[in-house]
Amino acid sequence: MIVKRIIPCLDVKDGRVVKGVKFLDLKDVSSPVELGKLYNDSGADELVFYDITASSDGRRIFTDILKKVAECITIPLTVGGGISTLDDFDEVIKCGADKISINTGALKNPELISEAARKYGSERVVLAIDARRVEDGSFRIFARGGREDTGLCAIEWIKKGESLGAGELVVNSIDADGVKSGFDLPMLEAVCEAVSIPVIASGGAGSIADFIELFKKLPKVDAGLAASVFHFGEVAIPDLKRALKEHGIPVSY
């Protein structure tokens, strides 16, 4: 089994980290710089920075706060939000991003995935999806921060994203987001069966046990991403990694 990564996520709005439930009722949490330092020093394997309203506002990502976060950490940094052109890739890379996450921009222009992979390498191109179950039980892609039903089948879209050159996949379950009742294992299982690139599970973590269950039941999942449980001190990353190791799940220290 490969080493599993633990990845805190900073959902940033107006320069502050926020968190809601199923993308609604956003509440202020803290400074992204302070949280970035905390996670860097507490053993996180990577950090994700999402400017969560860039796409819905139709603007480019805020770079001032991003630069400050990048300057205070040494772990890999993935950045997303409002990324729709190669110029956007250039800008966030100059700000310190190691990998770039694309979601709405790729939905609008799928060729952005292949263009970015050719220019920067697939390993730096992360395809992020926000998906939820619909009436027939299938998983469908939603855009603009979960506000817009695209009508796209999530499984078909991720297969296309992989074929275009995405090197990693972040799967966020809107149904599970912020609920803290565990990762959406059925959705993640369907995704892992459909692609061969690394899969990062997002949405639903509420306890250390949820991470253990994730990696035990779905060994193909490469990483667990979470926000609330880390932000509010419900799970400390050193404690999480210790528990994972005790259950035979390889982690880095």
Protein backbone atom coordinates (compact mmCIF):
# COMPACT_ATOMS: atom_id res chain seq x y z
CA MET A 1 0.00 0.00 0.00
CA ILE A 2 1.37 3.42 -0.93
CA VAL A 3 1.88 6.12 1.68
CA LYS A 4 -1.40 7.94 2.27
CA ARG A 5 -1.49 11.72 2.30
CA ILE A 6 -3.40 13.93 4.73
CA ILE A 7 -4.40 17.24 3.18
CA PRO A 8 -6.09 20.17 4.94
CA CYS A 9 -8.13 22.46 2.72
CA LEU A 10 -8.45 26.22 3.03
CA ASP A 11 -11.71 27.48 1.49
CA VAL A 12 -10.99 31.19 1.15
CA LYS A 13 -13.54 33.96 0.68
CA ASP A 14 -12.65 37.66 0.88
CA GLY A 15 -9.25 36.79 2.31
CA ARG A 16 -10.56 34.60 5.15
CA VAL A 17 -10.97 30.87 5.58
CA VAL A 18 -14.65 29.93 5.73
CA LYS A 19 -16.60 26.69 6.06
CA GLY A 20 -20.20 25.69 5.57
CA VAL A 21 -22.36 22.62 5.11
CA LYS A 22 -23.07 21.41 1.57
CA PHE A 23 -21.60 24.72 0.34
CA LEU A 24 -24.19 26.78 2.29
CA ASP A 25 -24.18 28.92 5.47
CA LEU A 26 -20.52 29.85 5.27
CA LYS A 27 -18.97 30.87 8.57
CA ASP A 28 -15.70 32.65 9.24
CA VAL A 29 -12.94 30.41 10.58
CA SER A 30 -9.53 32.06 10.61
CA SER A 31 -6.69 33.62 8.66
CA PRO A 32 -5.38 31.43 5.83
CA VAL A 33 -1.83 32.41 6.74
CA GLU A 34 -2.23 31.33 10.37
CA LEU A 35 -3.86 28.04 9.38
CA GLY A 36 -1.28 27.43 6.67
CA LYS A 37 1.52 27.78 9.23
CA LEU A 38 -0.30 25.52 11.67
CA TYR A 39 -0.81 22.71 9.18
CA ASN A 40 2.69 23.02 7.79
CA ASP A 41 4.14 22.62 11.28
CA SER A 42 1.78 19.84 12.41
CA GLY A 43 2.66 17.31 9.72
CA ALA A 44 0.23 17.86 6.87
CA ASP A 45 1.50 16.34 3.64
CA GLU A 46 0.09 19.03 1.38
CA LEU A 47 -2.14 22.08 1.58
CA VAL A 48 -5.01 23.05 -0.71
CA PHE A 49 -6.03 26.69 -1.18
CA TYR A 50 -9.38 27.30 -2.89
CA ASP A 51 -10.64 30.78 -3.72
CA ILE A 52 -14.21 29.52 -3.53
CA THR A 53 -16.03 32.48 -5.10
CA ALA A 54 -13.63 33.30 -7.95
CA SER A 55 -15.52 31.24 -10.54
CA SER A 56 -19.01 32.26 -9.42
CA ASP A 57 -17.94 35.92 -9.30
CA GLY A 58 -16.35 35.65 -12.74
CA ARG A 59 -13.00 36.99 -11.54
CA ARG A 60 -9.42 35.83 -11.28
CA ILE A 61 -8.00 34.41 -8.08
CA PHE A 62 -6.86 36.73 -5.30
CA THR A 63 -3.07 36.58 -5.36
CA ASP A 64 -2.05 38.77 -2.42
CA ILE A 65 -3.20 36.39 0.30
CA LEU A 66 -2.07 33.40 -1.78
CA LYS A 67 1.49 34.71 -1.85
CA LYS A 68 1.49 35.14 1.92
CA VAL A 69 0.32 31.56 2.44
CA ALA A 70 2.92 30.18 0.01
CA GLU A 71 5.70 32.10 1.75
CA CYS A 72 4.94 30.59 5.16
CA ILE A 73 4.83 26.89 4.22
CA THR A 74 7.26 24.31 2.88
CA ILE A 75 4.79 21.53 2.02
CA PRO A 76 3.35 21.27 -1.51
CA LEU A 77 0.58 23.78 -2.25
CA THR A 78 -2.34 23.16 -4.60
CA VAL A 79 -4.31 26.21 -5.67
CA GLY A 80 -7.72 26.49 -7.31
CA GLY A 81 -10.53 28.93 -7.96
CA GLY A 82 -11.16 30.94 -11.11
CA ILE A 83 -8.47 29.12 -13.11
CA SER A 84 -9.63 29.24 -16.72
CA THR A 85 -6.58 30.02 -18.87
CA LEU A 86 -2.89 29.18 -19.10
CA ASP A 87 -2.20 32.74 -17.97
CA ASP A 88 -4.01 31.90 -14.74
CA PHE A 89 -1.74 28.87 -14.36
CA ASP A 90 1.30 31.09 -14.85
CA GLU A 91 0.06 33.59 -12.29
CA VAL A 92 -0.58 31.15 -9.46
CA ILE A 93 2.66 29.26 -10.14
CA LYS A 94 4.53 32.56 -9.79
CA CYS A 95 2.71 33.05 -6.48
CA GLY A 96 4.11 29.75 -5.19
CA ALA A 97 1.65 27.05 -6.25
CA ASP A 98 3.09 23.59 -6.89
CA LYS A 99 -0.08 22.17 -8.43
CA ILE A 100 -3.13 23.82 -9.95
CA SER A 101 -6.66 22.62 -9.43
CA ILE A 102 -9.21 23.25 -12.16
CA ASN A 103 -12.93 22.69 -11.99
CA THR A 104 -15.33 25.15 -13.66
CA GLY A 105 -12.61 26.30 -16.07
CA ALA A 106 -12.15 22.74 -17.32
CA LEU A 107 -15.89 22.26 -17.69
CA LYS A 108 -16.07 25.34 -19.89
CA ASN A 109 -12.98 24.38 -21.89
CA PRO A 110 -11.88 20.74 -21.50
CA GLU A 111 -8.87 21.39 -23.73
CA LEU A 112 -7.44 23.51 -20.92
CA ILE A 113 -6.53 20.21 -19.23
CA SER A 114 -4.46 18.98 -22.15
CA GLU A 115 -2.92 22.39 -22.84
CA ALA A 116 -1.83 22.72 -19.21
CA ALA A 117 -0.55 19.15 -19.07
CA ARG A 118 1.61 19.74 -22.14
CA LYS A 119 3.03 22.98 -20.77
CA TYR A 120 3.48 22.15 -17.09
CA GLY A 121 3.30 18.35 -16.91
CA SER A 122 0.33 16.22 -15.89
CA GLU A 123 1.63 15.95 -12.34
CA ARG A 124 0.82 19.64 -11.80
CA VAL A 125 -2.70 19.49 -13.24
CA VAL A 126 -5.37 18.52 -10.71
CA LEU A 127 -8.94 17.99 -11.89
CA ALA A 128 -11.39 18.78 -9.10
CA ILE A 129 -15.03 17.78 -9.22
CA ASP A 130 -18.03 18.66 -7.08
CA ALA A 131 -20.56 15.88 -7.46
CA ARG A 132 -23.78 14.68 -5.90
CA ARG A 133 -26.39 11.99 -6.36
CA VAL A 134 -29.43 12.79 -8.46
CA GLU A 135 -32.84 11.19 -8.67
CA ASP A 136 -31.75 8.08 -10.58
CA GLY A 137 -28.92 7.36 -8.13
CA SER A 138 -26.14 8.37 -10.52
CA PHE A 139 -23.47 10.95 -9.70
CA ARG A 140 -23.63 14.27 -11.52
CA ILE A 141 -21.15 17.14 -11.82
CA PHE A 142 -22.07 20.53 -10.36
CA ALA A 143 -20.26 23.75 -11.17
CA ARG A 144 -19.84 27.26 -9.74
CA GLY A 145 -19.36 26.11 -6.17
CA GLY A 146 -22.13 23.55 -6.35
CA ARG A 147 -24.67 26.06 -7.62
CA GLU A 148 -25.09 24.80 -11.18
CA ASP A 149 -26.15 21.33 -12.33
CA THR A 150 -24.12 20.66 -15.46
CA GLY A 151 -26.05 17.54 -16.43
CA LEU A 152 -22.72 15.73 -16.86
CA CYS A 153 -22.22 12.23 -15.54
CA ALA A 154 -19.39 12.44 -13.00
CA ILE A 155 -17.85 9.12 -14.02
CA GLU A 156 -17.80 9.98 -17.72
CA TRP A 157 -16.32 13.40 -16.99
CA ILE A 158 -13.45 12.10 -14.88
CA LYS A 159 -12.62 9.49 -17.51
CA LYS A 160 -12.41 12.29 -20.06
CA GLY A 161 -10.30 14.41 -17.72
CA GLU A 162 -7.81 11.59 -17.28
CA SER A 163 -7.63 11.00 -21.03
CA LEU A 164 -6.93 14.71 -21.58
CA GLY A 165 -3.95 14.61 -19.22
CA ALA A 166 -5.09 15.37 -15.67
CA GLY A 167 -2.56 13.87 -13.28
CA GLU A 168 -4.65 13.81 -10.12
CA LEU A 169 -8.29 13.93 -9.14
CA VAL A 170 -10.04 15.58 -6.19
CA VAL A 171 -13.50 14.14 -5.62
CA ASN A 172 -15.69 16.31 -3.43
CA SER A 173 -19.07 14.95 -2.43
CA ILE A 174 -21.54 17.82 -2.05
CA ASP A 175 -23.89 15.46 -0.19
CA ALA A 176 -21.21 14.82 2.44
CA ASP A 177 -19.57 18.27 2.52
CA GLY A 178 -19.36 19.62 6.06
CA VAL A 179 -21.76 16.96 7.39
CA LYS A 180 -19.01 15.05 9.24
CA SER A 181 -20.70 11.69 8.84
CA GLY A 182 -17.91 10.03 6.86
CA PHE A 183 -16.58 10.09 3.32
CA ASP A 184 -18.91 9.19 0.45
CA LEU A 185 -17.52 5.70 -0.04
CA PRO A 186 -19.89 4.56 -2.83
CA MET A 187 -19.02 7.59 -4.96
CA LEU A 188 -15.31 7.20 -4.29
CA GLU A 189 -15.41 3.50 -5.10
CA ALA A 190 -17.05 4.22 -8.45
CA VAL A 191 -14.39 6.84 -9.18
CA CYS A 192 -11.48 4.56 -8.24
CA GLU A 193 -12.81 1.87 -10.55
CA ALA A 194 -13.05 4.35 -13.43
CA VAL A 195 -9.59 5.98 -13.39
CA SER A 196 -5.97 5.05 -12.71
CA ILE A 197 -4.66 8.48 -11.63
CA PRO A 198 -4.35 9.32 -7.91
CA VAL A 199 -7.68 10.04 -6.21
CA ILE A 200 -8.08 12.46 -3.30
CA ALA A 201 -11.23 12.00 -1.24
CA SER A 202 -12.97 15.14 -0.04
CA GLY A 203 -16.14 15.83 1.91
CA GLY A 204 -17.55 14.23 5.03
CA ALA A 205 -14.64 13.62 7.40
CA GLY A 206 -15.81 13.92 10.99
CA SER A 207 -13.39 11.80 12.98
CA ILE A 208 -10.18 9.80 12.89
CA ALA A 209 -12.32 6.70 12.37
CA ASP A 210 -13.60 8.13 9.09
CA PHE A 211 -10.08 8.31 7.69
CA ILE A 212 -9.31 4.79 8.87
CA GLU A 213 -12.49 3.51 7.21
CA LEU A 214 -11.67 5.39 4.00
CA PHE A 215 -8.22 3.88 3.55
CA LYS A 216 -9.16 0.41 4.79
CA LYS A 217 -12.22 0.04 2.57
CA LEU A 218 -10.83 1.89 -0.45
CA PRO A 219 -7.08 1.24 -0.62
CA LYS A 220 -6.97 2.81 -4.08
CA VAL A 221 -7.69 6.23 -2.56
CA ASP A 222 -4.40 8.10 -2.31
CA ALA A 223 -5.27 10.91 0.09
CA GLY A 224 -7.89 12.27 2.44
CA LEU A 225 -8.73 15.95 2.29
CA ALA A 226 -10.69 17.74 5.00
CA ALA A 227 -11.40 21.16 6.43
CA SER A 228 -13.78 21.47 9.39
CA VAL A 229 -12.33 18.68 11.54
CA PHE A 230 -8.89 20.24 11.26
CA HIS A 231 -9.95 23.90 11.47
CA PHE A 232 -11.97 23.44 14.67
CA GLY A 233 -9.45 21.18 16.40
CA GLU A 234 -11.63 18.07 16.33
CA VAL A 235 -8.83 16.05 14.74
CA ALA A 236 -5.14 16.85 15.17
CA ILE A 237 -2.98 15.71 12.28
CA PRO A 238 -0.30 14.07 14.49
CA ASP A 239 -3.01 12.08 16.29
CA LEU A 240 -4.58 11.11 12.97
CA LYS A 241 -1.32 9.86 11.51
CA ARG A 242 -0.50 7.94 14.66
CA ALA A 243 -3.88 6.18 14.54
CA LEU A 244 -3.53 5.39 10.84
CA LYS A 245 -0.11 3.86 11.43
CA GLU A 246 -1.51 1.76 14.30
CA HIS A 247 -4.09 0.37 11.88
CA GLY A 248 -1.45 -0.61 9.35
CA ILE A 249 -2.02 2.35 7.02
CA PRO A 250 1.29 3.84 5.85
CA VAL A 251 1.74 7.57 6.42
CA SER A 252 4.68 9.96 6.36
CA TYR A 253 6.12 11.68 9.43
